[in-house]
Amino acid sequence: MSWPEPPPVCRVCGEPADDGNSAICNWCGLRFHLALRQDQPGKDCGRVWVNDAYGALEYGCDPCLHGEPPPGEDEPSLGSQH
């Protein structure tokens, strides 16, 4: 018997964040809350903007936008000697 996957959580606040109320950060690759529609209430734990050079949307969570490293990035990788 397989168990259902837990819902994804927001990198910033740790609350559940599904496809309808979140985005994936272009820097760390983790999910964060983002109000995808302006006509509906929603929580924002990051930003979205248009990249002028590529004409594409870019998504950034608040920690990445403030220069914080992704979780675990400051830890040594597995197999590295201490």
PDB file of N, CA and C in Angstrom:
ATOM      1  N   MET A   1       0.845  -1.168   0.000  1.00  0.00           N
ATOM      2  CA  MET A   1       0.000   0.000   0.000  1.00  0.00           C
ATOM      3  C   MET A   1       0.893   1.234   0.000  1.00  0.00           C
ATOM      4  N   SER A   2       0.604   2.160  -0.885  1.00  0.00           N
ATOM      5  CA  SER A   2       1.383   3.393  -0.905  1.00  0.00           C
ATOM      6  C   SER A   2       0.580   4.511  -0.251  1.00  0.00           C
ATOM      7  N   TRP A   3       1.299   5.386   0.409  1.00  0.00           N
ATOM      8  CA  TRP A   3       0.670   6.507   1.097  1.00  0.00           C
ATOM      9  C   TRP A   3       0.638   7.695   0.158  1.00  0.00           C
ATOM     10  N   PRO A   4      -0.378   8.525   0.289  1.00  0.00           N
ATOM     11  CA  PRO A   4      -0.414   9.720  -0.561  1.00  0.00           C
ATOM     12  C   PRO A   4       0.724  10.666  -0.205  1.00  0.00           C
ATOM     13  N   GLU A   5       1.227  11.345  -1.225  1.00  0.00           N
ATOM     14  CA  GLU A   5       2.300  12.315  -1.011  1.00  0.00           C
ATOM     15  C   GLU A   5       1.776  13.472  -0.171  1.00  0.00           C
ATOM     16  N   PRO A   6       2.580  13.976   0.764  1.00  0.00           N
ATOM     17  CA  PRO A   6       2.134  15.152   1.522  1.00  0.00           C
ATOM     18  C   PRO A   6       2.079  16.351   0.581  1.00  0.00           C
ATOM     19  N   PRO A   7       1.210  17.296   0.872  1.00  0.00           N
ATOM     20  CA  PRO A   7       1.141  18.477   0.015  1.00  0.00           C
ATOM     21  C   PRO A   7       2.448  19.258   0.089  1.00  0.00           C
ATOM     22  N   PRO A   8       2.825  19.908  -1.013  1.00  0.00           N
ATOM     23  CA  PRO A   8       4.042  20.718  -0.954  1.00  0.00           C
ATOM     24  C   PRO A   8       3.860  21.869   0.019  1.00  0.00           C
ATOM     25  N   VAL A   9       4.966  22.335   0.561  1.00  0.00           N
ATOM     26  CA  VAL A   9       4.914  23.457   1.506  1.00  0.00           C
ATOM     27  C   VAL A   9       5.716  24.625   0.962  1.00  0.00           C
ATOM     28  N   CYS A  10       5.378  25.801   1.435  1.00  0.00           N
ATOM     29  CA  CYS A  10       6.057  27.035   1.060  1.00  0.00           C
ATOM     30  C   CYS A  10       7.428  27.093   1.727  1.00  0.00           C
ATOM     31  N   ARG A  11       8.458  27.398   0.958  1.00  0.00           N
ATOM     32  CA  ARG A  11       9.810  27.526   1.521  1.00  0.00           C
ATOM     33  C   ARG A  11       9.859  28.624   2.575  1.00  0.00           C
ATOM     34  N   VAL A  12       9.077  29.660   2.412  1.00  0.00           N
ATOM     35  CA  VAL A  12       9.170  30.837   3.267  1.00  0.00           C
ATOM     36  C   VAL A  12       8.437  30.652   4.591  1.00  0.00           C
ATOM     37  N   CYS A  13       7.161  30.237   4.526  1.00  0.00           N
ATOM     38  CA  CYS A  13       6.357  30.179   5.753  1.00  0.00           C
ATOM     39  C   CYS A  13       6.078  28.759   6.236  1.00  0.00           C
ATOM     40  N   GLY A  14       6.336  27.757   5.415  1.00  0.00           N
ATOM     41  CA  GLY A  14       6.133  26.372   5.820  1.00  0.00           C
ATOM     42  C   GLY A  14       4.702  25.884   5.751  1.00  0.00           C
ATOM     43  N   GLU A  15       3.775  26.715   5.306  1.00  0.00           N
ATOM     44  CA  GLU A  15       2.374  26.306   5.187  1.00  0.00           C
ATOM     45  C   GLU A  15       2.150  25.597   3.855  1.00  0.00           C
ATOM     46  N   PRO A  16       1.098  24.767   3.762  1.00  0.00           N
ATOM     47  CA  PRO A  16       0.812  24.078   2.497  1.00  0.00           C
ATOM     48  C   PRO A  16       0.660  25.067   1.340  1.00  0.00           C
ATOM     49  N   ALA A  17       1.198  24.689   0.192  1.00  0.00           N
ATOM     50  CA  ALA A  17       1.140  25.537  -0.996  1.00  0.00           C
ATOM     51  C   ALA A  17       0.935  24.639  -2.209  1.00  0.00           C
ATOM     52  N   ASP A  18      -0.251  24.712  -2.812  1.00  0.00           N
ATOM     53  CA  ASP A  18      -0.514  23.865  -3.976  1.00  0.00           C
ATOM     54  C   ASP A  18      -0.336  24.652  -5.270  1.00  0.00           C
ATOM     55  N   ASP A  19      -0.572  23.995  -6.403  1.00  0.00           N
ATOM     56  CA  ASP A  19      -0.371  24.621  -7.707  1.00  0.00           C
ATOM     57  C   ASP A  19      -1.218  25.867  -7.906  1.00  0.00           C
ATOM     58  N   GLY A  20      -2.357  25.947  -7.241  1.00  0.00           N
ATOM     59  CA  GLY A  20      -3.253  27.072  -7.432  1.00  0.00           C
ATOM     60  C   GLY A  20      -2.894  28.320  -6.661  1.00  0.00           C
ATOM     61  N   ASN A  21      -1.941  28.218  -5.729  1.00  0.00           N
ATOM     62  CA  ASN A  21      -1.610  29.399  -4.924  1.00  0.00           C
ATOM     63  C   ASN A  21      -0.103  29.557  -4.720  1.00  0.00           C
ATOM     64  N   SER A  22       0.681  29.027  -5.656  1.00  0.00           N
ATOM     65  CA  SER A  22       2.126  29.087  -5.470  1.00  0.00           C
ATOM     66  C   SER A  22       2.863  29.053  -6.795  1.00  0.00           C
ATOM     67  N   ALA A  23       4.173  29.259  -6.710  1.00  0.00           N
ATOM     68  CA  ALA A  23       5.053  29.198  -7.872  1.00  0.00           C
ATOM     69  C   ALA A  23       6.362  28.551  -7.429  1.00  0.00           C
ATOM     70  N   ILE A  24       7.207  28.241  -8.395  1.00  0.00           N
ATOM     71  CA  ILE A  24       8.517  27.666  -8.120  1.00  0.00           C
ATOM     72  C   ILE A  24       9.567  28.752  -8.353  1.00  0.00           C
ATOM     73  N   CYS A  25      10.436  28.951  -7.376  1.00  0.00           N
ATOM     74  CA  CYS A  25      11.481  29.966  -7.465  1.00  0.00           C
ATOM     75  C   CYS A  25      12.497  29.592  -8.547  1.00  0.00           C
ATOM     76  N   ASN A  26      12.863  30.556  -9.384  1.00  0.00           N
ATOM     77  CA  ASN A  26      13.843  30.325 -10.438  1.00  0.00           C
ATOM     78  C   ASN A  26      15.253  30.121  -9.896  1.00  0.00           C
ATOM     79  N   TRP A  27      15.529  30.502  -8.651  1.00  0.00           N
ATOM     80  CA  TRP A  27      16.877  30.370  -8.100  1.00  0.00           C
ATOM     81  C   TRP A  27      17.047  29.100  -7.279  1.00  0.00           C
ATOM     82  N   CYS A  28      16.188  28.875  -6.299  1.00  0.00           N
ATOM     83  CA  CYS A  28      16.371  27.705  -5.429  1.00  0.00           C
ATOM     84  C   CYS A  28      15.559  26.503  -5.883  1.00  0.00           C
ATOM     85  N   GLY A  29      14.558  26.717  -6.735  1.00  0.00           N
ATOM     86  CA  GLY A  29      13.745  25.612  -7.235  1.00  0.00           C
ATOM     87  C   GLY A  29      12.689  25.133  -6.256  1.00  0.00           C
ATOM     88  N   LEU A  30      12.457  25.895  -5.184  1.00  0.00           N
ATOM     89  CA  LEU A  30      11.476  25.495  -4.177  1.00  0.00           C
ATOM     90  C   LEU A  30      10.185  26.294  -4.345  1.00  0.00           C
ATOM     91  N   ARG A  31       9.102  25.720  -3.851  1.00  0.00           N
ATOM     92  CA  ARG A  31       7.775  26.326  -3.963  1.00  0.00           C
ATOM     93  C   ARG A  31       7.602  27.437  -2.929  1.00  0.00           C
ATOM     94  N   PHE A  32       6.873  28.484  -3.313  1.00  0.00           N
ATOM     95  CA  PHE A  32       6.532  29.565  -2.395  1.00  0.00           C
ATOM     96  C   PHE A  32       5.152  30.108  -2.755  1.00  0.00           C
ATOM     97  N   HIS A  33       4.464  30.675  -1.757  1.00  0.00           N
ATOM     98  CA  HIS A  33       3.136  31.249  -1.992  1.00  0.00           C
ATOM     99  C   HIS A  33       3.231  32.445  -2.933  1.00  0.00           C
ATOM    100  N   LEU A  34       2.312  32.477  -3.884  1.00  0.00           N
ATOM    101  CA  LEU A  34       2.212  33.609  -4.794  1.00  0.00           C
ATOM    102  C   LEU A  34       0.770  33.705  -5.253  1.00  0.00           C
ATOM    103  N   ALA A  35       0.162  34.858  -5.052  1.00  0.00           N
ATOM    104  CA  ALA A  35      -1.204  35.080  -5.534  1.00  0.00           C
ATOM    105  C   ALA A  35      -1.138  35.146  -7.057  1.00  0.00           C
ATOM    106  N   LEU A  36      -1.690  34.148  -7.712  1.00  0.00           N
ATOM    107  CA  LEU A  36      -1.583  34.053  -9.161  1.00  0.00           C
ATOM    108  C   LEU A  36      -2.613  34.901  -9.893  1.00  0.00           C
ATOM    109  N   ARG A  37      -3.599  35.395  -9.164  1.00  0.00           N
ATOM    110  CA  ARG A  37      -4.621  36.251  -9.765  1.00  0.00           C
ATOM    111  C   ARG A  37      -4.818  37.478  -8.890  1.00  0.00           C
ATOM    112  N   GLN A  38      -4.914  38.623  -9.526  1.00  0.00           N
ATOM    113  CA  GLN A  38      -5.092  39.862  -8.777  1.00  0.00           C
ATOM    114  C   GLN A  38      -6.520  40.046  -8.287  1.00  0.00           C
ATOM    115  N   ASP A  39      -7.469  39.342  -8.892  1.00  0.00           N
ATOM    116  CA  ASP A  39      -8.868  39.514  -8.498  1.00  0.00           C
ATOM    117  C   ASP A  39      -9.289  38.576  -7.370  1.00  0.00           C
ATOM    118  N   GLN A  40      -8.341  37.806  -6.832  1.00  0.00           N
ATOM    119  CA  GLN A  40      -8.630  36.913  -5.720  1.00  0.00           C
ATOM    120  C   GLN A  40      -7.594  37.137  -4.616  1.00  0.00           C
ATOM    121  N   PRO A  41      -8.024  37.017  -3.360  1.00  0.00           N
ATOM    122  CA  PRO A  41      -7.059  37.190  -2.273  1.00  0.00           C
ATOM    123  C   PRO A  41      -6.040  36.050  -2.278  1.00  0.00           C
ATOM    124  N   GLY A  42      -4.864  36.336  -1.812  1.00  0.00           N
ATOM    125  CA  GLY A  42      -3.836  35.311  -1.744  1.00  0.00           C
ATOM    126  C   GLY A  42      -2.645  35.803  -0.956  1.00  0.00           C
ATOM    127  N   LYS A  43      -1.804  34.879  -0.599  1.00  0.00           N
ATOM    128  CA  LYS A  43      -0.621  35.159   0.193  1.00  0.00           C
ATOM    129  C   LYS A  43       0.581  35.268  -0.744  1.00  0.00           C
ATOM    130  N   ASP A  44       1.452  36.226  -0.513  1.00  0.00           N
ATOM    131  CA  ASP A  44       2.654  36.384  -1.326  1.00  0.00           C
ATOM    132  C   ASP A  44       3.901  36.227  -0.461  1.00  0.00           C
ATOM    133  N   CYS A  45       4.693  35.222  -0.771  1.00  0.00           N
ATOM    134  CA  CYS A  45       5.969  34.989  -0.091  1.00  0.00           C
ATOM    135  C   CYS A  45       7.114  35.170  -1.088  1.00  0.00           C
ATOM    136  N   GLY A  46       6.859  35.957  -2.121  1.00  0.00           N
ATOM    137  CA  GLY A  46       7.847  36.215  -3.157  1.00  0.00           C
ATOM    138  C   GLY A  46       7.258  37.147  -4.196  1.00  0.00           C
ATOM    139  N   ARG A  47       7.888  37.161  -5.367  1.00  0.00           N
ATOM    140  CA  ARG A  47       7.463  38.074  -6.426  1.00  0.00           C
ATOM    141  C   ARG A  47       7.535  37.396  -7.782  1.00  0.00           C
ATOM    142  N   VAL A  48       6.832  37.989  -8.744  1.00  0.00           N
ATOM    143  CA  VAL A  48       6.931  37.600 -10.147  1.00  0.00           C
ATOM    144  C   VAL A  48       7.106  38.879 -10.950  1.00  0.00           C
ATOM    145  N   TRP A  49       7.911  38.827 -12.010  1.00  0.00           N
ATOM    146  CA  TRP A  49       8.125  39.979 -12.865  1.00  0.00           C
ATOM    147  C   TRP A  49       8.477  39.496 -14.262  1.00  0.00           C
ATOM    148  N   VAL A  50       8.464  40.412 -15.214  1.00  0.00           N
ATOM    149  CA  VAL A  50       8.808  40.087 -16.598  1.00  0.00           C
ATOM    150  C   VAL A  50      10.287  40.392 -16.819  1.00  0.00           C
ATOM    151  N   ASN A  51      11.030  39.403 -17.289  1.00  0.00           N
ATOM    152  CA  ASN A  51      12.422  39.594 -17.663  1.00  0.00           C
ATOM    153  C   ASN A  51      12.419  40.308 -19.006  1.00  0.00           C
ATOM    154  N   ASP A  52      12.894  41.547 -19.038  1.00  0.00           N
ATOM    155  CA  ASP A  52      12.851  42.352 -20.258  1.00  0.00           C
ATOM    156  C   ASP A  52      13.678  41.751 -21.393  1.00  0.00           C
ATOM    157  N   ALA A  53      14.792  41.113 -21.072  1.00  0.00           N
ATOM    158  CA  ALA A  53      15.656  40.553 -22.106  1.00  0.00           C
ATOM    159  C   ALA A  53      15.011  39.369 -22.823  1.00  0.00           C
ATOM    160  N   TYR A  54      14.244  38.565 -22.084  1.00  0.00           N
ATOM    161  CA  TYR A  54      13.671  37.349 -22.662  1.00  0.00           C
ATOM    162  C   TYR A  54      12.157  37.419 -22.831  1.00  0.00           C
ATOM    163  N   GLY A  55      11.529  38.435 -22.261  1.00  0.00           N
ATOM    164  CA  GLY A  55      10.073  38.536 -22.343  1.00  0.00           C
ATOM    165  C   GLY A  55       9.368  37.398 -21.635  1.00  0.00           C
ATOM    166  N   ALA A  56      10.010  36.852 -20.619  1.00  0.00           N
ATOM    167  CA  ALA A  56       9.456  35.710 -19.879  1.00  0.00           C
ATOM    168  C   ALA A  56       9.235  36.102 -18.418  1.00  0.00           C
ATOM    169  N   LEU A  57       8.308  35.395 -17.775  1.00  0.00           N
ATOM    170  CA  LEU A  57       8.080  35.612 -16.349  1.00  0.00           C
ATOM    171  C   LEU A  57       9.198  34.968 -15.548  1.00  0.00           C
ATOM    172  N   GLU A  58       9.629  35.664 -14.511  1.00  0.00           N
ATOM    173  CA  GLU A  58      10.594  35.116 -13.562  1.00  0.00           C
ATOM    174  C   GLU A  58       9.954  35.133 -12.191  1.00  0.00           C
ATOM    175  N   TYR A  59      10.258  34.099 -11.394  1.00  0.00           N
ATOM    176  CA  TYR A  59       9.675  33.935 -10.071  1.00  0.00           C
ATOM    177  C   TYR A  59      10.794  33.882  -9.045  1.00  0.00           C
ATOM    178  N   GLY A  60      10.623  34.602  -7.940  1.00  0.00           N
ATOM    179  CA  GLY A  60      11.622  34.586  -6.881  1.00  0.00           C
ATOM    180  C   GLY A  60      10.978  34.595  -5.508  1.00  0.00           C
ATOM    181  N   CYS A  61      11.418  33.678  -4.641  1.00  0.00           N
ATOM    182  CA  CYS A  61      10.918  33.669  -3.264  1.00  0.00           C
ATOM    183  C   CYS A  61      11.650  34.760  -2.486  1.00  0.00           C
ATOM    184  N   ASP A  62      11.046  35.238  -1.407  1.00  0.00           N
ATOM    185  CA  ASP A  62      11.634  36.322  -0.615  1.00  0.00           C
ATOM    186  C   ASP A  62      13.057  36.019  -0.139  1.00  0.00           C
ATOM    187  N   PRO A  63      13.350  34.819   0.378  1.00  0.00           N
ATOM    188  CA  PRO A  63      14.726  34.562   0.821  1.00  0.00           C
ATOM    189  C   PRO A  63      15.755  34.708  -0.312  1.00  0.00           C
ATOM    190  N   CYS A  64      15.445  34.192  -1.497  1.00  0.00           N
ATOM    191  CA  CYS A  64      16.388  34.325  -2.610  1.00  0.00           C
ATOM    192  C   CYS A  64      16.517  35.779  -3.044  1.00  0.00           C
ATOM    193  N   LEU A  65      15.408  36.518  -3.033  1.00  0.00           N
ATOM    194  CA  LEU A  65      15.454  37.923  -3.414  1.00  0.00           C
ATOM    195  C   LEU A  65      16.264  38.754  -2.419  1.00  0.00           C
ATOM    196  N   HIS A  66      16.390  38.251  -1.185  1.00  0.00           N
ATOM    197  CA  HIS A  66      17.191  38.947  -0.165  1.00  0.00           C
ATOM    198  C   HIS A  66      18.596  38.359  -0.039  1.00  0.00           C
ATOM    199  N   GLY A  67      18.972  37.452  -0.946  1.00  0.00           N
ATOM    200  CA  GLY A  67      20.331  36.911  -0.968  1.00  0.00           C
ATOM    201  C   GLY A  67      20.603  35.784  -0.003  1.00  0.00           C
ATOM    202  N   GLU A  68      19.580  35.194   0.585  1.00  0.00           N
ATOM    203  CA  GLU A  68      19.785  34.074   1.509  1.00  0.00           C
ATOM    204  C   GLU A  68      20.025  32.792   0.709  1.00  0.00           C
ATOM    205  N   PRO A  69      20.941  31.929   1.148  1.00  0.00           N
ATOM    206  CA  PRO A  69      21.180  30.686   0.412  1.00  0.00           C
ATOM    207  C   PRO A  69      20.011  29.720   0.569  1.00  0.00           C
ATOM    208  N   PRO A  70      19.804  28.860  -0.433  1.00  0.00           N
ATOM    209  CA  PRO A  70      18.764  27.838  -0.309  1.00  0.00           C
ATOM    210  C   PRO A  70      19.063  26.907   0.862  1.00  0.00           C
ATOM    211  N   PRO A  71      18.029  26.269   1.407  1.00  0.00           N
ATOM    212  CA  PRO A  71      18.239  25.349   2.528  1.00  0.00           C
ATOM    213  C   PRO A  71      19.270  24.277   2.168  1.00  0.00           C
ATOM    214  N   GLY A  72      20.214  24.056   3.075  1.00  0.00           N
ATOM    215  CA  GLY A  72      21.215  23.017   2.884  1.00  0.00           C
ATOM    216  C   GLY A  72      22.397  23.418   2.022  1.00  0.00           C
ATOM    217  N   GLU A  73      22.361  24.593   1.407  1.00  0.00           N
ATOM    218  CA  GLU A  73      23.461  24.990   0.522  1.00  0.00           C
ATOM    219  C   GLU A  73      24.750  25.255   1.285  1.00  0.00           C
ATOM    220  N   ASP A  74      24.642  25.703   2.526  1.00  0.00           N
ATOM    221  CA  ASP A  74      25.841  25.999   3.308  1.00  0.00           C
ATOM    222  C   ASP A  74      26.390  24.754   4.002  1.00  0.00           C
ATOM    223  N   GLU A  75      25.725  23.605   3.816  1.00  0.00           N
ATOM    224  CA  GLU A  75      26.188  22.357   4.418  1.00  0.00           C
ATOM    225  C   GLU A  75      27.102  21.638   3.417  1.00  0.00           C
ATOM    226  N   PRO A  76      28.086  20.887   3.888  1.00  0.00           N
ATOM    227  CA  PRO A  76      28.942  20.142   2.954  1.00  0.00           C
ATOM    228  C   PRO A  76      28.137  19.053   2.262  1.00  0.00           C
ATOM    229  N   SER A  77      28.458  18.779   1.017  1.00  0.00           N
ATOM    230  CA  SER A  77      27.747  17.748   0.286  1.00  0.00           C
ATOM    231  C   SER A  77      28.095  16.375   0.821  1.00  0.00           C
ATOM    232  N   LEU A  78      27.207  15.417   0.602  1.00  0.00           N
ATOM    233  CA  LEU A  78      27.457  14.059   1.067  1.00  0.00           C
ATOM    234  C   LEU A  78      28.705  13.509   0.390  1.00  0.00           C
ATOM    235  N   GLY A  79      29.528  12.836   1.130  1.00  0.00           N
ATOM    236  CA  GLY A  79      30.739  12.234   0.592  1.00  0.00           C
ATOM    237  C   GLY A  79      31.945  13.153   0.665  1.00  0.00           C
ATOM    238  N   SER A  80      31.739  14.422   1.002  1.00  0.00           N
ATOM    239  CA  SER A  80      32.899  15.303   1.116  1.00  0.00           C
ATOM    240  C   SER A  80      33.552  15.090   2.485  1.00  0.00           C
ATOM    241  N   GLN A  81      34.839  15.260   2.519  1.00  0.00           N
ATOM    242  CA  GLN A  81      35.532  15.072   3.785  1.00  0.00           C
ATOM    243  C   GLN A  81      35.483  16.357   4.594  1.00  0.00           C
ATOM    244  N   HIS A  82      35.376  16.206   5.914  1.00  0.00           N
ATOM    245  CA  HIS A  82      35.268  17.371   6.800  1.00  0.00           C
ATOM    246  C   HIS A  82      36.624  17.801   7.274  1.00  0.00           C
TER     247      HIS A  82
END
